[in-house]
Every structure is written in structure tokens, then in C-alpha cells.
Protein backbone atom coordinates (compact mmCIF):
# COMPACT_ATOMS: atom_id res chain seq x y z
CA MET A 1 -3.78 -0.61 -22.35
CA VAL A 2 -1.78 -1.89 -19.15
CA TYR A 3 -2.22 -1.10 -15.20
CA ALA A 4 -0.19 -2.79 -12.99
CA LYS A 5 0.17 -2.84 -9.36
CA GLU A 6 1.38 -4.62 -5.59
CA ILE A 7 -0.10 -5.77 -2.48
CA ARG A 8 1.84 -6.35 0.07
CA PHE A 9 1.51 -8.14 2.89
CA ARG A 10 2.97 -10.32 6.05
CA THR A 11 1.68 -13.84 6.36
CA LYS A 12 1.02 -16.19 9.79
CA GLY A 13 2.91 -19.08 8.55
CA GLU A 14 1.74 -22.34 6.68
CA ILE A 15 -1.61 -22.48 5.21
CA ASP A 16 -2.11 -18.61 6.29
CA LEU A 17 -5.32 -18.09 3.91
CA VAL A 18 -5.19 -14.17 3.26
CA ASP A 19 -8.53 -12.79 1.49
CA ILE A 20 -7.23 -10.47 -1.08
CA THR A 21 -10.67 -10.25 -3.24
CA ALA A 22 -11.26 -6.43 -2.06
CA GLU A 23 -7.84 -5.14 -2.89
CA VAL A 24 -7.98 -6.73 -6.11
CA GLU A 25 -11.33 -5.14 -7.07
CA GLY A 26 -9.79 -2.16 -6.04
CA ILE A 27 -7.12 -2.07 -8.59
CA VAL A 28 -9.64 -2.84 -10.94
CA GLU A 29 -11.82 -0.68 -10.70
CA GLU A 30 -8.59 1.98 -10.66
CA SER A 31 -6.93 0.94 -13.67
CA GLY A 32 -9.71 2.76 -15.35
CA ILE A 33 -9.62 -0.41 -17.97
CA GLU A 34 -13.39 -1.34 -19.13
CA ASN A 35 -12.79 -4.68 -20.35
CA GLY A 36 -9.81 -6.80 -20.48
CA ILE A 37 -8.12 -9.69 -18.03
CA ALA A 38 -6.66 -9.28 -14.73
CA LEU A 39 -4.03 -11.37 -13.92
CA VAL A 40 -3.44 -11.91 -10.40
CA PHE A 41 0.16 -13.46 -9.76
CA VAL A 42 2.52 -14.26 -6.80
CA PRO A 43 6.10 -14.38 -7.10
CA GLY A 44 7.47 -17.18 -5.09
CA ALA A 45 7.97 -20.75 -4.71
CA THR A 46 5.77 -20.99 -1.97
CA GLY A 47 2.62 -19.04 -2.37
CA ALA A 48 -0.12 -19.80 -3.98
CA ILE A 49 -3.42 -18.14 -5.20
CA VAL A 50 -6.63 -19.32 -5.24
CA THR A 51 -10.34 -18.87 -5.32
CA ILE A 52 -12.38 -20.28 -2.59
CA GLU A 53 -15.29 -19.20 -0.40
CA HIS A 54 -14.37 -17.39 2.57
CA GLU A 55 -16.67 -19.36 4.95
CA SER A 56 -14.40 -21.15 7.98
CA GLY A 57 -15.49 -24.52 8.23
CA LEU A 58 -14.50 -24.51 4.10
CA LEU A 59 -11.71 -22.91 4.67
CA GLU A 60 -10.22 -24.76 7.82
CA ASP A 61 -11.49 -27.83 5.26
CA PHE A 62 -8.73 -26.53 2.37
CA ARG A 63 -6.25 -26.60 5.05
CA ARG A 64 -7.00 -30.34 5.79
CA ALA A 65 -7.10 -31.19 2.40
CA LEU A 66 -3.60 -29.66 1.62
CA LYS A 67 -2.33 -31.62 4.74
CA GLU A 68 -3.17 -34.83 3.95
CA LEU A 69 -2.95 -34.20 -0.09
CA ILE A 70 0.60 -33.68 0.62
CA PRO A 71 1.99 -34.05 4.29
CA LYS A 72 5.00 -32.72 5.60
CA GLY A 73 7.89 -35.14 6.43
CA LYS A 74 7.40 -38.35 3.59
CA GLY A 75 10.79 -38.21 2.98
CA TYR A 76 11.17 -35.46 -0.02
CA LEU A 77 14.44 -34.93 -1.31
CA HIS A 78 14.07 -31.24 -1.04
CA ASP A 79 13.94 -31.85 2.42
CA ARG A 80 18.06 -32.32 3.00
CA ILE A 81 18.39 -28.54 1.54
CA ASP A 82 15.31 -26.48 4.09
CA ASP A 83 12.81 -28.56 5.18
CA ASN A 84 10.13 -27.42 3.36
CA ALA A 85 9.58 -29.45 -0.14
CA HIS A 86 6.13 -29.89 0.89
CA SER A 87 5.93 -26.36 0.33
CA HIS A 88 7.00 -26.29 -2.96
CA LEU A 89 4.61 -29.35 -3.65
CA ARG A 90 1.51 -27.86 -2.33
CA ALA A 91 2.26 -24.16 -3.93
CA THR A 92 2.80 -26.29 -7.35
CA LEU A 93 -0.13 -28.24 -7.05
CA LEU A 94 -2.26 -25.20 -6.54
CA GLY A 95 -0.62 -22.36 -8.76
CA ALA A 96 0.82 -19.45 -8.70
CA SER A 97 -1.96 -17.31 -10.69
CA GLU A 98 -5.30 -16.51 -11.71
CA CYS A 99 -6.60 -14.36 -14.43
CA PHE A 100 -10.06 -12.87 -14.38
CA PRO A 101 -12.02 -11.10 -17.02
CA VAL A 102 -13.07 -7.58 -16.61
CA VAL A 103 -16.14 -6.51 -17.96
CA ASN A 104 -17.93 -3.23 -17.65
CA GLY A 105 -14.94 -1.86 -15.46
CA ARG A 106 -15.53 -5.01 -12.80
CA LEU A 107 -14.10 -8.12 -12.00
CA VAL A 108 -16.40 -10.90 -12.70
CA ARG A 109 -16.80 -13.32 -10.22
CA GLY A 110 -19.04 -15.75 -8.81
CA THR A 111 -21.26 -14.70 -5.79
CA TRP A 112 -18.96 -16.98 -3.39
CA GLN A 113 -15.63 -16.79 -4.79
CA GLN A 114 -12.91 -14.90 -3.14
CA ILE A 115 -9.69 -14.20 -4.30
CA PHE A 116 -7.34 -15.90 -1.25
CA PHE A 117 -3.54 -15.68 -1.39
CA VAL A 118 -1.99 -19.23 0.18
CA GLU A 119 0.99 -19.34 2.46
CA LEU A 120 2.57 -22.64 1.76
CA ASP A 121 6.54 -21.77 3.69
CA VAL A 122 7.14 -22.85 6.98
CA ARG A 123 7.14 -19.79 8.56
CA PRO A 124 5.65 -15.99 8.40
CA ARG A 125 6.72 -13.76 5.20
CA HIS A 126 6.41 -10.60 3.51
CA ARG A 127 4.52 -11.11 0.64
CA ARG A 128 3.85 -9.34 -2.13
CA VAL A 129 1.11 -10.25 -5.43
CA MET A 130 1.30 -8.66 -8.60
CA VAL A 131 -2.50 -7.60 -10.44
CA GLN A 132 -1.93 -6.91 -13.45
CA VAL A 133 -4.73 -5.38 -15.87
CA VAL A 134 -4.70 -5.43 -19.72
CA GLY A 135 -7.34 -4.28 -22.06
CA GLU A 136 -9.14 -0.97 -23.45
């Protein structure tokens, strides 16, 4: 069996972190699938899906680390087109999806492991995240 649903929301701009854990868990529950896999995927080249603890200091550390690892304005060639090369590079590093086991009808994740969408583009955006649950 396959069940799919979208989550839609608006972001505030660069390195906005949106906790989508509750929405993903709700979709898994409504799918009726007892055992399988849940895929959480962002269609787009400047967004990412990550797992991280929802703690304000850690979230700020994450933002700072991204800025230090791949800073803006370093002469990236793509910036000649639309000045967001760092956004694309950060998204490539983080990844567009995560998969989670579904056991006994529930999403399996660690106690402090929340699911976040990461906005990496330079402006606010309307975003959608696809959740697809596959199993029996």
C-alpha cells in the first residue's frame, strides 16, 4: 500500500527552520499503514529536510554552522545568474529527503529527533513537502 500527502507552508527566508514533525506523524497515522517506510521529500533545489533537536541554542548553532561551512558571496559561479549559489550548495550538502521506519502504525524517531524543513533560499517562499508512506 502507498499513501501520499503534501504539507504546505510559507517560510520567512534564509535558514528558516520549520518543525514539521507533528504533520509528518499525523500523515503516517492517517495512512493506516502499520509497518513500512515514510519518505519526507522537498521538491526544490534550495530546501532541505533534516533531523535535529528542537532546542533554540542548537538551532542557532545549526544556522551558524551552515553560514560558516558555505558562506555567501565567495565568488560562486552560479551567483552570476541569481545570487543564491550558497543556497543551492547548502541544500545539496543537507539533502532533499529523509526516510523513517514505520512500526506498529507509528513513525520511529529518537526522543529528541524532530523533523525540520530548512529554507535555504534568500527570500521567503511558499513551500511544499511530500510525505509518502509505503508498507502494509
